[in-house]
Amino acid sequence: RIAWTRNVFGQPLRVGVGGYYTRQDYGFNRNVDGWAGMTDIELPLSRQLSLSGKFYRGGRLVDWTVHSDKACCSAAIRHCPARKCKR
């Protein structure tokens, strides 16, 4: 995450951006590119009032679960060989 901050009305004005990219190799010539981008802002409107928000967008991110010493990926990746694992 990279952020910029400046004081306005005695409160911080903040803008931040970040990103993530990875390539997962599941074997058998199956690679999946996962990515995410995010931004956040904190905007002071007066000395006692501010507005803040966050935005996130990503694709092909896998959550991993471990059962009986076997790693299993979620069904979010349809062609993942390990998705036959029972949760």
PDB file of N, CA and C in Angstrom:
ATOM      1  N   ARG A   1       0.848  -1.173   0.000  1.00  0.00           N
ATOM      2  CA  ARG A   1       0.000   0.000   0.000  1.00  0.00           C
ATOM      3  C   ARG A   1       0.890   1.231   0.000  1.00  0.00           C
ATOM      4  N   ILE A   2       0.525   2.174  -0.831  1.00  0.00           N
ATOM      5  CA  ILE A   2       1.194   3.468  -0.878  1.00  0.00           C
ATOM      6  C   ILE A   2       0.143   4.511  -0.521  1.00  0.00           C
ATOM      7  N   ALA A   3       0.500   5.446   0.344  1.00  0.00           N
ATOM      8  CA  ALA A   3      -0.480   6.433   0.794  1.00  0.00           C
ATOM      9  C   ALA A   3       0.121   7.832   0.794  1.00  0.00           C
ATOM     10  N   TRP A   4      -0.774   8.802   0.693  1.00  0.00           N
ATOM     11  CA  TRP A   4      -0.421  10.209   0.761  1.00  0.00           C
ATOM     12  C   TRP A   4      -1.290  10.834   1.838  1.00  0.00           C
ATOM     13  N   THR A   5      -0.706  11.655   2.704  1.00  0.00           N
ATOM     14  CA  THR A   5      -1.434  12.279   3.809  1.00  0.00           C
ATOM     15  C   THR A   5      -1.111  13.772   3.871  1.00  0.00           C
ATOM     16  N   ARG A   6      -2.149  14.550   4.184  1.00  0.00           N
ATOM     17  CA  ARG A   6      -1.981  15.984   4.389  1.00  0.00           C
ATOM     18  C   ARG A   6      -3.051  16.439   5.373  1.00  0.00           C
ATOM     19  N   ASN A   7      -2.730  17.387   6.237  1.00  0.00           N
ATOM     20  CA  ASN A   7      -3.709  17.886   7.201  1.00  0.00           C
ATOM     21  C   ASN A   7      -4.626  18.935   6.570  1.00  0.00           C
ATOM     22  N   VAL A   8      -5.926  18.761   6.792  1.00  0.00           N
ATOM     23  CA  VAL A   8      -6.957  19.704   6.359  1.00  0.00           C
ATOM     24  C   VAL A   8      -7.923  19.860   7.523  1.00  0.00           C
ATOM     25  N   PHE A   9      -8.237  21.062   7.929  1.00  0.00           N
ATOM     26  CA  PHE A   9      -9.101  21.323   9.082  1.00  0.00           C
ATOM     27  C   PHE A   9      -8.567  20.648  10.353  1.00  0.00           C
ATOM     28  N   GLY A  10      -7.273  20.454  10.451  1.00  0.00           N
ATOM     29  CA  GLY A  10      -6.678  19.819  11.623  1.00  0.00           C
ATOM     30  C   GLY A  10      -6.853  18.307  11.650  1.00  0.00           C
ATOM     31  N   GLN A  11      -7.361  17.726  10.565  1.00  0.00           N
ATOM     32  CA  GLN A  11      -7.540  16.271  10.454  1.00  0.00           C
ATOM     33  C   GLN A  11      -6.777  15.780   9.225  1.00  0.00           C
ATOM     34  N   PRO A  12      -6.396  14.493   9.215  1.00  0.00           N
ATOM     35  CA  PRO A  12      -5.657  13.988   8.062  1.00  0.00           C
ATOM     36  C   PRO A  12      -6.554  13.731   6.847  1.00  0.00           C
ATOM     37  N   LEU A  13      -6.103  14.213   5.706  1.00  0.00           N
ATOM     38  CA  LEU A  13      -6.669  13.836   4.410  1.00  0.00           C
ATOM     39  C   LEU A  13      -5.766  12.734   3.889  1.00  0.00           C
ATOM     40  N   ARG A  14      -6.325  11.541   3.698  1.00  0.00           N
ATOM     41  CA  ARG A  14      -5.512  10.393   3.293  1.00  0.00           C
ATOM     42  C   ARG A  14      -6.072   9.768   2.028  1.00  0.00           C
ATOM     43  N   VAL A  15      -5.165   9.384   1.136  1.00  0.00           N
ATOM     44  CA  VAL A  15      -5.519   8.620  -0.056  1.00  0.00           C
ATOM     45  C   VAL A  15      -4.483   7.515  -0.177  1.00  0.00           C
ATOM     46  N   GLY A  16      -4.945   6.281  -0.297  1.00  0.00           N
ATOM     47  CA  GLY A  16      -4.035   5.152  -0.410  1.00  0.00           C
ATOM     48  C   GLY A  16      -4.443   4.222  -1.544  1.00  0.00           C
ATOM     49  N   VAL A  17      -3.464   3.579  -2.151  1.00  0.00           N
ATOM     50  CA  VAL A  17      -3.708   2.594  -3.200  1.00  0.00           C
ATOM     51  C   VAL A  17      -2.791   1.401  -2.959  1.00  0.00           C
ATOM     52  N   GLY A  18      -3.238   0.254  -3.403  1.00  0.00           N
ATOM     53  CA  GLY A  18      -2.430  -0.946  -3.259  1.00  0.00           C
ATOM     54  C   GLY A  18      -2.803  -1.968  -4.314  1.00  0.00           C
ATOM     55  N   GLY A  19      -1.978  -2.956  -4.462  1.00  0.00           N
ATOM     56  CA  GLY A  19      -2.236  -3.993  -5.446  1.00  0.00           C
ATOM     57  C   GLY A  19      -1.520  -5.284  -5.098  1.00  0.00           C
ATOM     58  N   TYR A  20      -1.956  -6.338  -5.756  1.00  0.00           N
ATOM     59  CA  TYR A  20      -1.404  -7.671  -5.512  1.00  0.00           C
ATOM     60  C   TYR A  20      -1.531  -8.482  -6.792  1.00  0.00           C
ATOM     61  N   TYR A  21      -0.514  -9.253  -7.116  1.00  0.00           N
ATOM     62  CA  TYR A  21      -0.556 -10.146  -8.270  1.00  0.00           C
ATOM     63  C   TYR A  21       0.196 -11.417  -7.925  1.00  0.00           C
ATOM     64  N   THR A  22      -0.345 -12.546  -8.321  1.00  0.00           N
ATOM     65  CA  THR A  22       0.338 -13.820  -8.141  1.00  0.00           C
ATOM     66  C   THR A  22      -0.052 -14.784  -9.244  1.00  0.00           C
ATOM     67  N   ARG A  23       0.838 -15.695  -9.531  1.00  0.00           N
ATOM     68  CA  ARG A  23       0.551 -16.785 -10.477  1.00  0.00           C
ATOM     69  C   ARG A  23       0.644 -18.088  -9.701  1.00  0.00           C
ATOM     70  N   GLN A  24      -0.444 -18.834  -9.668  1.00  0.00           N
ATOM     71  CA  GLN A  24      -0.477 -20.135  -8.992  1.00  0.00           C
ATOM     72  C   GLN A  24      -0.260 -21.234 -10.025  1.00  0.00           C
ATOM     73  N   ASP A  25       0.627 -22.154  -9.733  1.00  0.00           N
ATOM     74  CA  ASP A  25       0.885 -23.293 -10.603  1.00  0.00           C
ATOM     75  C   ASP A  25       0.295 -24.526  -9.944  1.00  0.00           C
ATOM     76  N   TYR A  26      -0.778 -25.065 -10.511  1.00  0.00           N
ATOM     77  CA  TYR A  26      -1.448 -26.231  -9.958  1.00  0.00           C
ATOM     78  C   TYR A  26      -0.968 -27.541 -10.591  1.00  0.00           C
ATOM     79  N   GLY A  27       0.065 -27.470 -11.384  1.00  0.00           N
ATOM     80  CA  GLY A  27       0.581 -28.663 -12.040  1.00  0.00           C
ATOM     81  C   GLY A  27      -0.222 -28.982 -13.287  1.00  0.00           C
ATOM     82  N   PHE A  28       0.231 -29.954 -14.028  1.00  0.00           N
ATOM     83  CA  PHE A  28      -0.446 -30.391 -15.245  1.00  0.00           C
ATOM     84  C   PHE A  28      -0.692 -29.218 -16.195  1.00  0.00           C
ATOM     85  N   ASN A  29       0.274 -28.283 -16.241  1.00  0.00           N
ATOM     86  CA  ASN A  29       0.198 -27.107 -17.110  1.00  0.00           C
ATOM     87  C   ASN A  29      -1.023 -26.227 -16.827  1.00  0.00           C
ATOM     88  N   ARG A  30      -1.435 -26.138 -15.566  1.00  0.00           N
ATOM     89  CA  ARG A  30      -2.571 -25.304 -15.166  1.00  0.00           C
ATOM     90  C   ARG A  30      -2.070 -24.165 -14.283  1.00  0.00           C
ATOM     91  N   ASN A  31      -2.046 -22.982 -14.851  1.00  0.00           N
ATOM     92  CA  ASN A  31      -1.633 -21.783 -14.123  1.00  0.00           C
ATOM     93  C   ASN A  31      -2.819 -20.843 -14.010  1.00  0.00           C
ATOM     94  N   VAL A  32      -2.946 -20.187 -12.879  1.00  0.00           N
ATOM     95  CA  VAL A  32      -4.022 -19.227 -12.647  1.00  0.00           C
ATOM     96  C   VAL A  32      -3.400 -17.938 -12.125  1.00  0.00           C
ATOM     97  N   ASP A  33      -3.743 -16.820 -12.769  1.00  0.00           N
ATOM     98  CA  ASP A  33      -3.270 -15.512 -12.334  1.00  0.00           C
ATOM     99  C   ASP A  33      -4.294 -14.897 -11.397  1.00  0.00           C
ATOM    100  N   GLY A  34      -3.886 -14.606 -10.166  1.00  0.00           N
ATOM    101  CA  GLY A  34      -4.748 -13.933  -9.193  1.00  0.00           C
ATOM    102  C   GLY A  34      -4.293 -12.503  -9.030  1.00  0.00           C
ATOM    103  N   TRP A  35      -5.229 -11.604  -8.834  1.00  0.00           N
ATOM    104  CA  TRP A  35      -4.873 -10.199  -8.701  1.00  0.00           C
ATOM    105  C   TRP A  35      -5.884  -9.481  -7.825  1.00  0.00           C
ATOM    106  N   ALA A  36      -5.473  -8.353  -7.297  1.00  0.00           N
ATOM    107  CA  ALA A  36      -6.358  -7.506  -6.506  1.00  0.00           C
ATOM    108  C   ALA A  36      -5.854  -6.067  -6.586  1.00  0.00           C
ATOM    109  N   GLY A  37      -6.776  -5.144  -6.580  1.00  0.00           N
ATOM    110  CA  GLY A  37      -6.455  -3.719  -6.535  1.00  0.00           C
ATOM    111  C   GLY A  37      -7.362  -3.065  -5.503  1.00  0.00           C
ATOM    112  N   MET A  38      -6.844  -2.130  -4.782  1.00  0.00           N
ATOM    113  CA  MET A  38      -7.653  -1.487  -3.751  1.00  0.00           C
ATOM    114  C   MET A  38      -7.252  -0.029  -3.601  1.00  0.00           C
ATOM    115  N   THR A  39      -8.203   0.753  -3.101  1.00  0.00           N
ATOM    116  CA  THR A  39      -7.937   2.153  -2.792  1.00  0.00           C
ATOM    117  C   THR A  39      -8.758   2.539  -1.575  1.00  0.00           C
ATOM    118  N   ASP A  40      -8.272   3.497  -0.834  1.00  0.00           N
ATOM    119  CA  ASP A  40      -9.018   3.999   0.322  1.00  0.00           C
ATOM    120  C   ASP A  40      -8.808   5.504   0.426  1.00  0.00           C
ATOM    121  N   ILE A  41      -9.788   6.170   1.036  1.00  0.00           N
ATOM    122  CA  ILE A  41      -9.728   7.620   1.179  1.00  0.00           C
ATOM    123  C   ILE A  41     -10.347   8.030   2.504  1.00  0.00           C
ATOM    124  N   GLU A  42      -9.764   9.021   3.127  1.00  0.00           N
ATOM    125  CA  GLU A  42     -10.331   9.658   4.312  1.00  0.00           C
ATOM    126  C   GLU A  42     -10.332  11.154   4.016  1.00  0.00           C
ATOM    127  N   LEU A  43     -11.517  11.736   3.927  1.00  0.00           N
ATOM    128  CA  LEU A  43     -11.691  13.107   3.495  1.00  0.00           C
ATOM    129  C   LEU A  43     -12.355  13.940   4.585  1.00  0.00           C
ATOM    130  N   PRO A  44     -11.605  14.838   5.227  1.00  0.00           N
ATOM    131  CA  PRO A  44     -12.211  15.691   6.251  1.00  0.00           C
ATOM    132  C   PRO A  44     -13.111  16.748   5.602  1.00  0.00           C
ATOM    133  N   LEU A  45     -14.335  16.870   6.115  1.00  0.00           N
ATOM    134  CA  LEU A  45     -15.277  17.866   5.612  1.00  0.00           C
ATOM    135  C   LEU A  45     -15.331  19.098   6.509  1.00  0.00           C
ATOM    136  N   SER A  46     -14.994  18.931   7.778  1.00  0.00           N
ATOM    137  CA  SER A  46     -14.898  20.033   8.739  1.00  0.00           C
ATOM    138  C   SER A  46     -14.024  19.540   9.888  1.00  0.00           C
ATOM    139  N   ARG A  47     -13.929  20.311  10.952  1.00  0.00           N
ATOM    140  CA  ARG A  47     -13.113  19.892  12.101  1.00  0.00           C
ATOM    141  C   ARG A  47     -13.692  18.670  12.807  1.00  0.00           C
ATOM    142  N   GLN A  48     -14.998  18.455  12.729  1.00  0.00           N
ATOM    143  CA  GLN A  48     -15.637  17.359  13.457  1.00  0.00           C
ATOM    144  C   GLN A  48     -16.279  16.311  12.556  1.00  0.00           C
ATOM    145  N   LEU A  49     -16.155  16.450  11.258  1.00  0.00           N
ATOM    146  CA  LEU A  49     -16.825  15.530  10.340  1.00  0.00           C
ATOM    147  C   LEU A  49     -15.887  15.126   9.216  1.00  0.00           C
ATOM    148  N   SER A  50     -15.834  13.829   8.942  1.00  0.00           N
ATOM    149  CA  SER A  50     -15.026  13.357   7.823  1.00  0.00           C
ATOM    150  C   SER A  50     -15.763  12.222   7.114  1.00  0.00           C
ATOM    151  N   LEU A  51     -15.381  11.990   5.893  1.00  0.00           N
ATOM    152  CA  LEU A  51     -15.966  10.946   5.060  1.00  0.00           C
ATOM    153  C   LEU A  51     -14.848   9.979   4.688  1.00  0.00           C
ATOM    154  N   SER A  52     -15.119   8.683   4.804  1.00  0.00           N
ATOM    155  CA  SER A  52     -14.097   7.709   4.436  1.00  0.00           C
ATOM    156  C   SER A  52     -14.728   6.594   3.616  1.00  0.00           C
ATOM    157  N   GLY A  53     -13.906   5.953   2.804  1.00  0.00           N
ATOM    158  CA  GLY A  53     -14.407   4.850   1.992  1.00  0.00           C
ATOM    159  C   GLY A  53     -13.280   3.984   1.476  1.00  0.00           C
ATOM    160  N   LYS A  54     -13.649   2.772   1.085  1.00  0.00           N
ATOM    161  CA  LYS A  54     -12.680   1.811   0.548  1.00  0.00           C
ATOM    162  C   LYS A  54     -13.286   1.143  -0.678  1.00  0.00           C
ATOM    163  N   PHE A  55     -12.437   0.818  -1.639  1.00  0.00           N
ATOM    164  CA  PHE A  55     -12.867   0.115  -2.835  1.00  0.00           C
ATOM    165  C   PHE A  55     -11.894  -1.025  -3.085  1.00  0.00           C
ATOM    166  N   TYR A  56     -12.435  -2.180  -3.423  1.00  0.00           N
ATOM    167  CA  TYR A  56     -11.622  -3.365  -3.657  1.00  0.00           C
ATOM    168  C   TYR A  56     -12.125  -4.068  -4.903  1.00  0.00           C
ATOM    169  N   ARG A  57     -11.210  -4.546  -5.730  1.00  0.00           N
ATOM    170  CA  ARG A  57     -11.574  -5.344  -6.895  1.00  0.00           C
ATOM    171  C   ARG A  57     -10.486  -6.375  -7.094  1.00  0.00           C
ATOM    172  N   GLY A  58     -10.886  -7.605  -7.345  1.00  0.00           N
ATOM    173  CA  GLY A  58      -9.901  -8.663  -7.545  1.00  0.00           C
ATOM    174  C   GLY A  58     -10.481  -9.812  -8.321  1.00  0.00           C
ATOM    175  N   GLY A  59      -9.624 -10.707  -8.712  1.00  0.00           N
ATOM    176  CA  GLY A  59     -10.072 -11.857  -9.470  1.00  0.00           C
ATOM    177  C   GLY A  59      -9.186 -13.059  -9.252  1.00  0.00           C
ATOM    178  N   ARG A  60      -9.821 -14.212  -9.247  1.00  0.00           N
ATOM    179  CA  ARG A  60      -9.145 -15.507  -9.151  1.00  0.00           C
ATOM    180  C   ARG A  60      -8.238 -15.613  -7.929  1.00  0.00           C
ATOM    181  N   LEU A  61      -8.754 -15.166  -6.803  1.00  0.00           N
ATOM    182  CA  LEU A  61      -8.043 -15.339  -5.538  1.00  0.00           C
ATOM    183  C   LEU A  61      -8.584 -16.601  -4.889  1.00  0.00           C
ATOM    184  N   VAL A  62      -7.727 -17.406  -4.344  1.00  0.00           N
ATOM    185  CA  VAL A  62      -8.111 -18.706  -3.798  1.00  0.00           C
ATOM    186  C   VAL A  62      -8.028 -18.681  -2.284  1.00  0.00           C
ATOM    187  N   ASP A  63      -9.058 -19.172  -1.619  1.00  0.00           N
ATOM    188  CA  ASP A  63      -8.940 -19.374  -0.177  1.00  0.00           C
ATOM    189  C   ASP A  63      -8.619 -20.851   0.045  1.00  0.00           C
ATOM    190  N   TRP A  64      -7.680 -21.105   0.923  1.00  0.00           N
ATOM    191  CA  TRP A  64      -7.214 -22.461   1.164  1.00  0.00           C
ATOM    192  C   TRP A  64      -7.746 -22.966   2.496  1.00  0.00           C
ATOM    193  N   THR A  65      -8.145 -24.232   2.516  1.00  0.00           N
ATOM    194  CA  THR A  65      -8.602 -24.894   3.728  1.00  0.00           C
ATOM    195  C   THR A  65      -7.790 -26.171   3.892  1.00  0.00           C
ATOM    196  N   VAL A  66      -7.426 -26.494   5.106  1.00  0.00           N
ATOM    197  CA  VAL A  66      -6.648 -27.709   5.342  1.00  0.00           C
ATOM    198  C   VAL A  66      -7.495 -28.695   6.131  1.00  0.00           C
ATOM    199  N   HIS A  67      -7.660 -29.896   5.584  1.00  0.00           N
ATOM    200  CA  HIS A  67      -8.396 -30.978   6.235  1.00  0.00           C
ATOM    201  C   HIS A  67      -7.559 -32.251   6.143  1.00  0.00           C
ATOM    202  N   SER A  68      -7.416 -32.926   7.236  1.00  0.00           N
ATOM    203  CA  SER A  68      -6.703 -34.211   7.272  1.00  0.00           C
ATOM    204  C   SER A  68      -5.338 -34.124   6.600  1.00  0.00           C
ATOM    205  N   ASP A  69      -4.599 -33.082   6.899  1.00  0.00           N
ATOM    206  CA  ASP A  69      -3.252 -32.875   6.356  1.00  0.00           C
ATOM    207  C   ASP A  69      -3.217 -32.737   4.842  1.00  0.00           C
ATOM    208  N   LYS A  70      -4.340 -32.388   4.199  1.00  0.00           N
ATOM    209  CA  LYS A  70      -4.358 -32.157   2.760  1.00  0.00           C
ATOM    210  C   LYS A  70      -4.849 -30.743   2.503  1.00  0.00           C
ATOM    211  N   ALA A  71      -4.144 -30.015   1.655  1.00  0.00           N
ATOM    212  CA  ALA A  71      -4.562 -28.652   1.314  1.00  0.00           C
ATOM    213  C   ALA A  71      -5.591 -28.728   0.188  1.00  0.00           C
ATOM    214  N   CYS A  72      -6.672 -28.011   0.340  1.00  0.00           N
ATOM    215  CA  CYS A  72      -7.748 -28.019  -0.654  1.00  0.00           C
ATOM    216  C   CYS A  72      -8.071 -26.588  -1.033  1.00  0.00           C
ATOM    217  N   CYS A  73      -8.232 -26.334  -2.313  1.00  0.00           N
ATOM    218  CA  CYS A  73      -8.626 -24.987  -2.706  1.00  0.00           C
ATOM    219  C   CYS A  73     -10.138 -24.937  -2.846  1.00  0.00           C
ATOM    220  N   SER A  74     -10.672 -23.732  -2.783  1.00  0.00           N
ATOM    221  CA  SER A  74     -12.123 -23.576  -2.872  1.00  0.00           C
ATOM    222  C   SER A  74     -12.586 -23.779  -4.303  1.00  0.00           C
ATOM    223  N   ALA A  75     -13.873 -23.924  -4.471  1.00  0.00           N
ATOM    224  CA  ALA A  75     -14.454 -24.118  -5.797  1.00  0.00           C
ATOM    225  C   ALA A  75     -14.432 -22.830  -6.613  1.00  0.00           C
ATOM    226  N   ALA A  76     -13.882 -21.753  -6.061  1.00  0.00           N
ATOM    227  CA  ALA A  76     -13.797 -20.502  -6.810  1.00  0.00           C
ATOM    228  C   ALA A  76     -12.940 -20.665  -8.060  1.00  0.00           C
ATOM    229  N   ILE A  77     -11.993 -21.569  -8.031  1.00  0.00           N
ATOM    230  CA  ILE A  77     -11.185 -21.886  -9.196  1.00  0.00           C
ATOM    231  C   ILE A  77     -11.725 -23.201  -9.758  1.00  0.00           C
ATOM    232  N   ARG A  78     -12.496 -23.125 -10.812  1.00  0.00           N
ATOM    233  CA  ARG A  78     -13.215 -24.299 -11.328  1.00  0.00           C
ATOM    234  C   ARG A  78     -12.302 -25.425 -11.769  1.00  0.00           C
ATOM    235  N   HIS A  79     -11.153 -25.104 -12.319  1.00  0.00           N
ATOM    236  CA  HIS A  79     -10.305 -26.148 -12.855  1.00  0.00           C
ATOM    237  C   HIS A  79      -9.210 -26.589 -11.897  1.00  0.00           C
ATOM    238  N   CYS A  80      -9.342 -26.287 -10.644  1.00  0.00           N
ATOM    239  CA  CYS A  80      -8.332 -26.669  -9.661  1.00  0.00           C
ATOM    240  C   CYS A  80      -8.438 -28.173  -9.379  1.00  0.00           C
ATOM    241  N   PRO A  81      -7.370 -28.936  -9.545  1.00  0.00           N
ATOM    242  CA  PRO A  81      -7.437 -30.381  -9.310  1.00  0.00           C
ATOM    243  C   PRO A  81      -7.784 -30.749  -7.876  1.00  0.00           C
ATOM    244  N   ALA A  82      -7.459 -29.877  -6.902  1.00  0.00           N
ATOM    245  CA  ALA A  82      -7.695 -30.212  -5.493  1.00  0.00           C
ATOM    246  C   ALA A  82      -9.129 -29.916  -5.060  1.00  0.00           C
ATOM    247  N   ARG A  83      -9.980 -29.398  -5.937  1.00  0.00           N
ATOM    248  CA  ARG A  83     -11.319 -28.987  -5.497  1.00  0.00           C
ATOM    249  C   ARG A  83     -12.210 -30.157  -5.133  1.00  0.00           C
ATOM    250  N   LYS A  84     -11.792 -31.380  -5.411  1.00  0.00           N
ATOM    251  CA  LYS A  84     -12.590 -32.542  -5.037  1.00  0.00           C
ATOM    252  C   LYS A  84     -12.551 -32.818  -3.542  1.00  0.00           C
ATOM    253  N   CYS A  85     -11.686 -32.115  -2.841  1.00  0.00           N
ATOM    254  CA  CYS A  85     -11.622 -32.257  -1.384  1.00  0.00           C
ATOM    255  C   CYS A  85     -12.953 -31.919  -0.759  1.00  0.00           C
ATOM    256  N   LYS A  86     -13.344 -32.649   0.250  1.00  0.00           N
ATOM    257  CA  LYS A  86     -14.568 -32.344   0.976  1.00  0.00           C
ATOM    258  C   LYS A  86     -14.220 -31.387   2.105  1.00  0.00           C
ATOM    259  N   ARG A  87     -15.076 -30.404   2.318  1.00  0.00           N
ATOM    260  CA  ARG A  87     -14.833 -29.425   3.383  1.00  0.00           C
ATOM    261  C   ARG A  87     -15.431 -29.886   4.665  1.00  0.00           C
TER     262      ARG A  87
END
